Protein backbone atom coordinates (compact mmCIF):
# COMPACT_ATOMS: atom_id res chain seq x y z
CA UNK A 1 -11.03 -1.79 12.14
CA UNK A 2 -9.12 -4.58 10.46
CA UNK A 3 -5.71 -4.75 8.83
CA UNK A 4 -4.82 -6.90 5.85
CA UNK A 5 -1.35 -7.55 4.47
CA UNK A 6 -0.33 -7.65 0.83
CA UNK A 7 3.02 -9.19 -0.01
CA UNK A 8 4.06 -7.55 -3.28
CA UNK A 9 7.75 -8.36 -2.94
CA UNK A 10 9.23 -9.43 -6.26
CA UNK A 11 6.63 -7.52 -8.27
CA UNK A 12 7.59 -4.56 -10.43
CA UNK A 13 5.70 -1.37 -11.22
CA UNK A 14 2.77 -1.08 -11.58
CA UNK A 15 1.81 -4.41 -9.98
CA UNK A 16 2.28 -3.48 -6.27
CA UNK A 17 -0.08 -0.51 -6.62
CA UNK A 18 -2.53 -2.48 -8.76
CA UNK A 19 -2.73 -5.20 -6.08
CA UNK A 20 -3.18 -2.51 -3.43
CA UNK A 21 -5.96 -0.80 -5.39
CA UNK A 22 -7.82 -4.06 -5.96
CA UNK A 23 -7.70 -5.17 -2.32
CA UNK A 24 -8.48 -1.79 -0.72
CA UNK A 25 -11.79 -1.59 -2.63
CA UNK A 26 -13.22 -4.46 -0.58
CA UNK A 27 -12.35 -2.86 2.77
CA UNK A 28 -14.48 -0.64 4.97
CA UNK A 29 -13.49 2.99 5.67
CA UNK A 30 -10.91 3.05 8.45
CA UNK A 31 -9.52 -0.39 7.63
CA UNK A 32 -5.81 -0.58 6.90
CA UNK A 33 -3.59 -2.28 4.37
CA UNK A 34 0.00 -3.22 5.14
CA UNK A 35 1.85 -3.44 1.81
CA UNK A 36 5.26 -5.10 1.55
CA UNK A 37 7.13 -4.08 -1.59
CA UNK A 38 10.71 -4.18 -2.84
CA UNK A 39 10.14 -2.38 -6.15
CA UNK A 40 12.21 0.85 -6.10
CA UNK A 41 9.36 2.68 -7.87
CA UNK A 42 7.00 1.96 -4.96
CA UNK A 43 8.70 4.74 -2.97
CA UNK A 44 7.09 7.18 -5.41
CA UNK A 45 4.07 5.16 -6.57
CA UNK A 46 2.47 4.30 -3.21
CA UNK A 47 2.44 7.87 -1.79
CA UNK A 48 1.20 9.12 -5.17
CA UNK A 49 -1.59 6.54 -5.17
CA UNK A 50 -2.62 7.57 -1.64
CA UNK A 51 -2.68 11.24 -2.63
CA UNK A 52 -4.69 10.62 -5.78
CA UNK A 53 -7.30 8.39 -4.10
CA UNK A 54 -7.64 10.20 -0.78
CA UNK A 55 -6.50 7.22 1.29
CA UNK A 56 -4.16 8.04 4.18
CA UNK A 57 -0.54 6.92 4.08
CA UNK A 58 -0.20 6.16 7.79
CA UNK A 59 3.44 5.08 7.77
CA UNK A 60 6.39 4.02 5.68
CA UNK A 61 9.29 2.04 7.05
CA UNK A 62 12.25 0.13 5.74
CA UNK A 63 12.41 -3.60 6.30
CA UNK A 64 15.58 -5.57 5.76
CA UNK A 65 15.07 -5.98 2.01
CA UNK A 66 11.77 -4.22 1.36
CA UNK A 67 9.59 -1.28 2.36
CA UNK A 68 6.44 -1.48 4.46
CA UNK A 69 3.59 0.92 3.69
CA UNK A 70 0.50 1.21 5.84
CA UNK A 71 -2.53 2.87 4.25
CA UNK A 72 -5.91 3.60 5.82
CA UNK A 73 -8.95 3.49 3.57
CA UNK A 74 -10.84 6.76 3.35
CA UNK A 75 -14.60 7.12 3.27
């Protein structure tokens, strides 16, 4: 299993999720993506994306000026 990080800070909706979707396609099932985002819409968009695609939202945490989302790619 590998983990990649996407720094989407400073990007507004829908760009954080679009970057996430593009990068997660190249990963193997079980790999994880750590997404850094400060767009207020990401709080809704990232969990929605995970639910729609079947990927697992492993965790969400607040950084000092951004949120950190960890998603695991599904099969």
